[in-house]
All heavy atoms as atom14 arrays in JSON, in Angstrom:
{
  "sequence": "RNIAAHIERDVLDKPRQWKPLVYCWRGGNRSG",
  "atom14_mask": [
    [1, 1, 1, 1, 1, 1, 1, 1, 1, 1, 1, 0, 0, 0],
    [1, 1, 1, 1, 1, 1, 1, 1, 0, 0, 0, 0, 0, 0],
    [1, 1, 1, 1, 1, 1, 1, 1, 0, 0, 0, 0, 0, 0],
    [1, 1, 1, 1, 1, 0, 0, 0, 0, 0, 0, 0, 0, 0],
    [1, 1, 1, 1, 1, 0, 0, 0, 0, 0, 0, 0, 0, 0],
    [1, 1, 1, 1, 1, 1, 1, 1, 1, 1, 0, 0, 0, 0],
    [1, 1, 1, 1, 1, 1, 1, 1, 0, 0, 0, 0, 0, 0],
    [1, 1, 1, 1, 1, 1, 1, 1, 1, 0, 0, 0, 0, 0],
    [1, 1, 1, 1, 1, 1, 1, 1, 1, 1, 1, 0, 0, 0],
    [1, 1, 1, 1, 1, 1, 1, 1, 0, 0, 0, 0, 0, 0],
    [1, 1, 1, 1, 1, 1, 1, 0, 0, 0, 0, 0, 0, 0],
    [1, 1, 1, 1, 1, 1, 1, 1, 0, 0, 0, 0, 0, 0],
    [1, 1, 1, 1, 1, 1, 1, 1, 0, 0, 0, 0, 0, 0],
    [1, 1, 1, 1, 1, 1, 1, 1, 1, 0, 0, 0, 0, 0],
    [1, 1, 1, 1, 1, 1, 1, 0, 0, 0, 0, 0, 0, 0],
    [1, 1, 1, 1, 1, 1, 1, 1, 1, 1, 1, 0, 0, 0],
    [1, 1, 1, 1, 1, 1, 1, 1, 1, 0, 0, 0, 0, 0],
    [1, 1, 1, 1, 1, 1, 1, 1, 1, 1, 1, 1, 1, 1],
    [1, 1, 1, 1, 1, 1, 1, 1, 1, 0, 0, 0, 0, 0],
    [1, 1, 1, 1, 1, 1, 1, 0, 0, 0, 0, 0, 0, 0],
    [1, 1, 1, 1, 1, 1, 1, 1, 0, 0, 0, 0, 0, 0],
    [1, 1, 1, 1, 1, 1, 1, 0, 0, 0, 0, 0, 0, 0],
    [1, 1, 1, 1, 1, 1, 1, 1, 1, 1, 1, 1, 0, 0],
    [1, 1, 1, 1, 1, 1, 0, 0, 0, 0, 0, 0, 0, 0],
    [1, 1, 1, 1, 1, 1, 1, 1, 1, 1, 1, 1, 1, 1],
    [1, 1, 1, 1, 1, 1, 1, 1, 1, 1, 1, 0, 0, 0],
    [1, 1, 1, 1, 0, 0, 0, 0, 0, 0, 0, 0, 0, 0],
    [1, 1, 1, 1, 0, 0, 0, 0, 0, 0, 0, 0, 0, 0],
    [1, 1, 1, 1, 1, 1, 1, 1, 0, 0, 0, 0, 0, 0],
    [1, 1, 1, 1, 1, 1, 1, 1, 1, 1, 1, 0, 0, 0],
    [1, 1, 1, 1, 1, 1, 0, 0, 0, 0, 0, 0, 0, 0],
    [1, 1, 1, 1, 0, 0, 0, 0, 0, 0, 0, 0, 0, 0]
  ],
  "atom14_positions": [
    [[0.72, -1.19, 0.01], [0.06, 0.0, 0.07], [0.95, 1.34, -0.05], [0.63, 2.15, -0.73], [-1.04, 0.01, 1.19], [-1.99, 1.06, 1.28], [-2.8, 0.96, 2.59], [-3.44, -0.39, 2.55], [-3.62, -0.99, 3.65], [-3.23, -0.63, 4.71], [-4.23, -2.28, 3.68], [0.0, 0.0, 0.0], [0.0, 0.0, 0.0], [0.0, 0.0, 0.0]],
    [[1.84, 1.26, 0.83], [2.82, 2.5, 0.91], [3.59, 2.68, -0.43], [3.75, 3.75, -0.86], [3.71, 2.33, 2.08], [3.06, 2.45, 3.4], [1.92, 3.0, 3.52], [3.56, 1.77, 4.42], [0.0, 0.0, 0.0], [0.0, 0.0, 0.0], [0.0, 0.0, 0.0], [0.0, 0.0, 0.0], [0.0, 0.0, 0.0], [0.0, 0.0, 0.0]],
    [[4.1, 1.5, -0.95], [4.88, 1.68, -2.23], [3.89, 2.23, -3.26], [4.42, 3.0, -4.03], [5.54, 0.29, -2.5], [6.61, -0.1, -1.63], [6.03, 0.43, -3.99], [7.15, -1.42, -1.65], [0.0, 0.0, 0.0], [0.0, 0.0, 0.0], [0.0, 0.0, 0.0], [0.0, 0.0, 0.0], [0.0, 0.0, 0.0], [0.0, 0.0, 0.0]],
    [[2.7, 1.65, -3.43], [1.78, 2.23, -4.36], [1.55, 3.71, -4.27], [1.51, 4.5, -5.22], [0.36, 1.45, -4.34], [0.0, 0.0, 0.0], [0.0, 0.0, 0.0], [0.0, 0.0, 0.0], [0.0, 0.0, 0.0], [0.0, 0.0, 0.0], [0.0, 0.0, 0.0], [0.0, 0.0, 0.0], [0.0, 0.0, 0.0], [0.0, 0.0, 0.0]],
    [[1.47, 4.17, -3.02], [1.33, 5.69, -2.89], [2.53, 6.4, -3.26], [2.37, 7.43, -3.85], [1.02, 5.9, -1.27], [0.0, 0.0, 0.0], [0.0, 0.0, 0.0], [0.0, 0.0, 0.0], [0.0, 0.0, 0.0], [0.0, 0.0, 0.0], [0.0, 0.0, 0.0], [0.0, 0.0, 0.0], [0.0, 0.0, 0.0], [0.0, 0.0, 0.0]],
    [[3.73, 5.86, -2.89], [5.01, 6.53, -3.38], [4.97, 6.62, -4.95], [5.41, 7.69, -5.49], [6.21, 5.88, -2.79], [6.29, 5.79, -1.45], [6.12, 6.9, -0.64], [6.65, 4.77, -0.51], [6.26, 6.71, 0.71], [6.65, 5.4, 0.66], [0.0, 0.0, 0.0], [0.0, 0.0, 0.0], [0.0, 0.0, 0.0], [0.0, 0.0, 0.0]],
    [[4.64, 5.56, -5.59], [4.64, 5.56, -7.08], [3.61, 6.5, -7.62], [4.09, 7.24, -8.57], [4.38, 4.01, -7.62], [5.57, 3.19, -7.26], [4.16, 4.01, -9.12], [5.27, 1.7, -7.46], [0.0, 0.0, 0.0], [0.0, 0.0, 0.0], [0.0, 0.0, 0.0], [0.0, 0.0, 0.0], [0.0, 0.0, 0.0], [0.0, 0.0, 0.0]],
    [[2.44, 6.55, -7.18], [1.4, 7.45, -7.65], [1.89, 8.87, -7.39], [1.6, 9.71, -8.21], [0.05, 7.11, -6.99], [-0.52, 5.8, -7.36], [-1.86, 5.63, -6.82], [-2.21, 6.21, -5.62], [-2.69, 4.85, -7.21], [0.0, 0.0, 0.0], [0.0, 0.0, 0.0], [0.0, 0.0, 0.0], [0.0, 0.0, 0.0], [0.0, 0.0, 0.0]],
    [[2.43, 9.08, -6.27], [2.85, 10.55, -5.96], [4.09, 11.03, -6.65], [4.12, 12.15, -7.1], [2.95, 10.69, -4.44], [3.29, 12.16, -3.95], [3.44, 12.27, -2.44], [4.66, 11.46, -2.06], [4.51, 10.32, -1.26], [3.35, 9.93, -0.84], [5.57, 9.74, -1.01], [0.0, 0.0, 0.0], [0.0, 0.0, 0.0], [0.0, 0.0, 0.0]],
    [[5.14, 10.14, -6.71], [6.45, 10.56, -7.05], [7.0, 9.92, -8.37], [8.13, 10.42, -8.84], [7.35, 10.48, -5.92], [6.96, 11.35, -4.79], [6.97, 12.47, -4.9], [6.88, 10.64, -3.63], [0.0, 0.0, 0.0], [0.0, 0.0, 0.0], [0.0, 0.0, 0.0], [0.0, 0.0, 0.0], [0.0, 0.0, 0.0], [0.0, 0.0, 0.0]],
    [[6.45, 8.9, -8.86], [7.14, 8.09, -9.97], [6.42, 8.27, -11.3], [7.01, 8.01, -12.42], [7.13, 6.66, -9.52], [7.88, 5.66, -10.66], [8.01, 6.46, -8.27], [0.0, 0.0, 0.0], [0.0, 0.0, 0.0], [0.0, 0.0, 0.0], [0.0, 0.0, 0.0], [0.0, 0.0, 0.0], [0.0, 0.0, 0.0], [0.0, 0.0, 0.0]],
    [[5.09, 8.55, -11.36], [4.43, 8.51, -12.56], [4.89, 9.33, -13.64], [4.77, 9.23, -14.91], [2.9, 8.62, -12.37], [2.12, 7.67, -11.5], [0.7, 8.04, -11.38], [2.35, 6.22, -12.11], [0.0, 0.0, 0.0], [0.0, 0.0, 0.0], [0.0, 0.0, 0.0], [0.0, 0.0, 0.0], [0.0, 0.0, 0.0], [0.0, 0.0, 0.0]],
    [[5.51, 10.42, -13.17], [6.16, 11.45, -14.12], [7.6, 11.18, -14.57], [8.27, 11.92, -15.3], [5.95, 12.88, -13.62], [6.74, 13.09, -12.39], [7.2, 12.08, -11.73], [7.0, 14.24, -11.92], [0.0, 0.0, 0.0], [0.0, 0.0, 0.0], [0.0, 0.0, 0.0], [0.0, 0.0, 0.0], [0.0, 0.0, 0.0], [0.0, 0.0, 0.0]],
    [[8.13, 10.05, -13.99], [9.59, 9.76, -14.19], [9.78, 9.25, -15.54], [9.04, 8.31, -15.99], [10.18, 8.89, -13.13], [10.06, 9.49, -11.69], [11.2, 10.53, -11.58], [11.34, 11.09, -10.1], [10.1, 11.75, -9.59], [0.0, 0.0, 0.0], [0.0, 0.0, 0.0], [0.0, 0.0, 0.0], [0.0, 0.0, 0.0], [0.0, 0.0, 0.0]],
    [[10.78, 9.51, -16.3], [11.2, 8.98, -17.57], [11.81, 7.64, -17.41], [12.22, 7.22, -16.44], [12.22, 10.06, -18.22], [12.85, 10.55, -17.05], [11.8, 10.69, -16.01], [0.0, 0.0, 0.0], [0.0, 0.0, 0.0], [0.0, 0.0, 0.0], [0.0, 0.0, 0.0], [0.0, 0.0, 0.0], [0.0, 0.0, 0.0], [0.0, 0.0, 0.0]],
    [[11.89, 6.81, -18.5], [12.51, 5.49, -18.39], [13.91, 5.51, -17.94], [14.39, 4.64, -17.37], [12.3, 4.87, -19.82], [12.85, 3.46, -19.88], [12.77, 2.84, -21.23], [11.42, 2.69, -21.66], [10.64, 1.63, -21.54], [11.21, 0.71, -20.91], [9.5, 1.66, -21.91], [0.0, 0.0, 0.0], [0.0, 0.0, 0.0], [0.0, 0.0, 0.0]],
    [[14.54, 6.64, -18.31], [16.09, 6.71, -17.86], [16.34, 7.06, -16.44], [17.36, 7.16, -15.96], [16.73, 7.77, -18.8], [16.61, 7.54, -20.25], [15.29, 7.88, -20.86], [14.54, 8.54, -20.35], [15.11, 7.04, -22.06], [0.0, 0.0, 0.0], [0.0, 0.0, 0.0], [0.0, 0.0, 0.0], [0.0, 0.0, 0.0], [0.0, 0.0, 0.0]],
    [[15.22, 7.24, -15.56], [15.43, 7.66, -14.3], [16.21, 6.5, -13.48], [15.85, 5.3, -13.66], [14.02, 7.77, -13.62], [13.95, 8.16, -12.18], [14.5, 9.2, -11.6], [13.4, 7.4, -11.21], [14.38, 9.24, -10.26], [13.53, 8.17, -9.92], [12.62, 6.19, -11.13], [13.09, 7.77, -8.8], [12.07, 5.95, -9.87], [12.3, 6.53, -8.67]],
    [[17.09, 6.92, -12.76], [18.0, 5.94, -12.04], [18.0, 6.12, -10.44], [18.7, 7.07, -10.11], [19.48, 6.02, -12.58], [19.65, 5.52, -14.09], [21.06, 5.48, -14.48], [21.73, 6.93, -14.31], [23.09, 6.85, -14.78], [0.0, 0.0, 0.0], [0.0, 0.0, 0.0], [0.0, 0.0, 0.0], [0.0, 0.0, 0.0], [0.0, 0.0, 0.0]],
    [[17.14, 5.47, -9.76], [17.18, 5.69, -8.35], [18.17, 4.78, -7.58], [18.53, 3.63, -8.13], [15.72, 5.33, -7.97], [15.45, 4.26, -8.88], [16.1, 4.54, -10.29], [0.0, 0.0, 0.0], [0.0, 0.0, 0.0], [0.0, 0.0, 0.0], [0.0, 0.0, 0.0], [0.0, 0.0, 0.0], [0.0, 0.0, 0.0], [0.0, 0.0, 0.0]],
    [[18.74, 5.28, -6.5], [19.45, 4.41, -5.59], [18.63, 4.16, -4.23], [18.17, 5.2, -3.75], [20.9, 5.1, -5.31], [21.73, 4.46, -4.17], [22.3, 3.16, -4.71], [22.86, 5.22, -3.81], [0.0, 0.0, 0.0], [0.0, 0.0, 0.0], [0.0, 0.0, 0.0], [0.0, 0.0, 0.0], [0.0, 0.0, 0.0], [0.0, 0.0, 0.0]],
    [[18.5, 2.96, -3.92], [17.59, 2.66, -2.72], [18.36, 1.85, -1.57], [19.19, 1.11, -1.83], [16.35, 1.76, -3.3], [15.4, 1.6, -2.14], [15.73, 2.34, -4.51], [0.0, 0.0, 0.0], [0.0, 0.0, 0.0], [0.0, 0.0, 0.0], [0.0, 0.0, 0.0], [0.0, 0.0, 0.0], [0.0, 0.0, 0.0], [0.0, 0.0, 0.0]],
    [[17.81, 2.27, -0.43], [18.51, 1.5, 0.73], [17.36, 1.54, 1.89], [16.61, 2.34, 1.95], [19.74, 2.11, 1.21], [19.66, 3.56, 1.79], [19.53, 3.7, 3.19], [19.65, 4.68, 0.88], [19.42, 4.9, 3.72], [19.54, 5.82, 1.66], [19.35, 6.07, 2.83], [19.25, 7.27, 3.57], [0.0, 0.0, 0.0], [0.0, 0.0, 0.0]],
    [[17.6, 0.55, 2.77], [16.89, 0.49, 3.97], [17.96, 0.32, 5.07], [19.09, 0.61, 5.06], [15.77, -0.4, 4.14], [16.21, -2.14, 3.77], [0.0, 0.0, 0.0], [0.0, 0.0, 0.0], [0.0, 0.0, 0.0], [0.0, 0.0, 0.0], [0.0, 0.0, 0.0], [0.0, 0.0, 0.0], [0.0, 0.0, 0.0], [0.0, 0.0, 0.0]],
    [[17.54, -0.29, 6.23], [18.44, -0.5, 7.4], [19.58, -1.38, 7.08], [20.74, -1.2, 7.19], [17.73, -1.02, 8.57], [18.66, -1.5, 9.66], [18.67, -2.57, 10.29], [19.61, -0.65, 10.43], [19.67, -2.81, 11.29], [20.25, -1.5, 11.39], [20.04, 0.67, 10.35], [21.21, -1.01, 12.25], [21.04, 1.06, 11.13], [21.63, 0.25, 12.15]],
    [[19.24, -2.67, 6.49], [20.38, -3.59, 6.02], [20.18, -4.13, 4.59], [20.87, -5.18, 4.28], [20.4, -4.8, 6.99], [20.92, -4.46, 8.43], [20.9, -5.63, 9.3], [19.63, -6.24, 9.64], [19.4, -7.14, 10.43], [20.53, -7.75, 11.19], [18.26, -7.56, 10.7], [0.0, 0.0, 0.0], [0.0, 0.0, 0.0], [0.0, 0.0, 0.0]],
    [[19.43, -3.36, 3.89], [19.25, -3.73, 2.46], [18.52, -4.99, 2.22], [18.59, -5.65, 1.23], [0.0, 0.0, 0.0], [0.0, 0.0, 0.0], [0.0, 0.0, 0.0], [0.0, 0.0, 0.0], [0.0, 0.0, 0.0], [0.0, 0.0, 0.0], [0.0, 0.0, 0.0], [0.0, 0.0, 0.0], [0.0, 0.0, 0.0], [0.0, 0.0, 0.0]],
    [[17.47, -5.12, 3.12], [16.64, -6.48, 3.06], [15.22, -6.04, 2.5], [15.1, -5.65, 1.44], [0.0, 0.0, 0.0], [0.0, 0.0, 0.0], [0.0, 0.0, 0.0], [0.0, 0.0, 0.0], [0.0, 0.0, 0.0], [0.0, 0.0, 0.0], [0.0, 0.0, 0.0], [0.0, 0.0, 0.0], [0.0, 0.0, 0.0], [0.0, 0.0, 0.0]],
    [[14.24, -6.54, 3.36], [12.85, -6.54, 2.89], [12.42, -5.21, 2.42], [11.75, -5.08, 1.4], [12.0, -7.11, 3.99], [12.21, -8.63, 4.29], [12.82, -9.28, 3.38], [12.03, -9.03, 5.33], [0.0, 0.0, 0.0], [0.0, 0.0, 0.0], [0.0, 0.0, 0.0], [0.0, 0.0, 0.0], [0.0, 0.0, 0.0], [0.0, 0.0, 0.0]],
    [[12.59, -4.12, 3.18], [11.86, -2.87, 2.97], [12.43, -2.17, 1.62], [11.62, -1.87, 0.7], [12.1, -1.95, 4.1], [11.37, -2.32, 5.35], [11.38, -1.25, 6.45], [12.75, -1.4, 7.17], [13.16, -0.53, 8.05], [12.43, 0.58, 8.33], [14.34, -0.63, 8.59], [0.0, 0.0, 0.0], [0.0, 0.0, 0.0], [0.0, 0.0, 0.0]],
    [[13.73, -2.13, 1.46], [14.2, -1.6, 0.27], [14.07, -2.51, -0.93], [13.98, -2.1, -1.99], [15.78, -1.16, 0.48], [16.49, -2.26, 0.76], [0.0, 0.0, 0.0], [0.0, 0.0, 0.0], [0.0, 0.0, 0.0], [0.0, 0.0, 0.0], [0.0, 0.0, 0.0], [0.0, 0.0, 0.0], [0.0, 0.0, 0.0], [0.0, 0.0, 0.0]],
    [[14.17, -3.94, -0.57], [14.14, -4.9, -1.62], [12.78, -4.87, -2.29], [12.67, -4.99, -3.53], [0.0, 0.0, 0.0], [0.0, 0.0, 0.0], [0.0, 0.0, 0.0], [0.0, 0.0, 0.0], [0.0, 0.0, 0.0], [0.0, 0.0, 0.0], [0.0, 0.0, 0.0], [0.0, 0.0, 0.0], [0.0, 0.0, 0.0], [0.0, 0.0, 0.0]]
  ]
}
């Protein structure tokens, strides 16, 4: 649910070339 909200708010206008770097506490479930 939260990821869907992030995508609707911040990702729909991103071009195909957009390159994000993602992390959480230990690189596990949340960022994965």
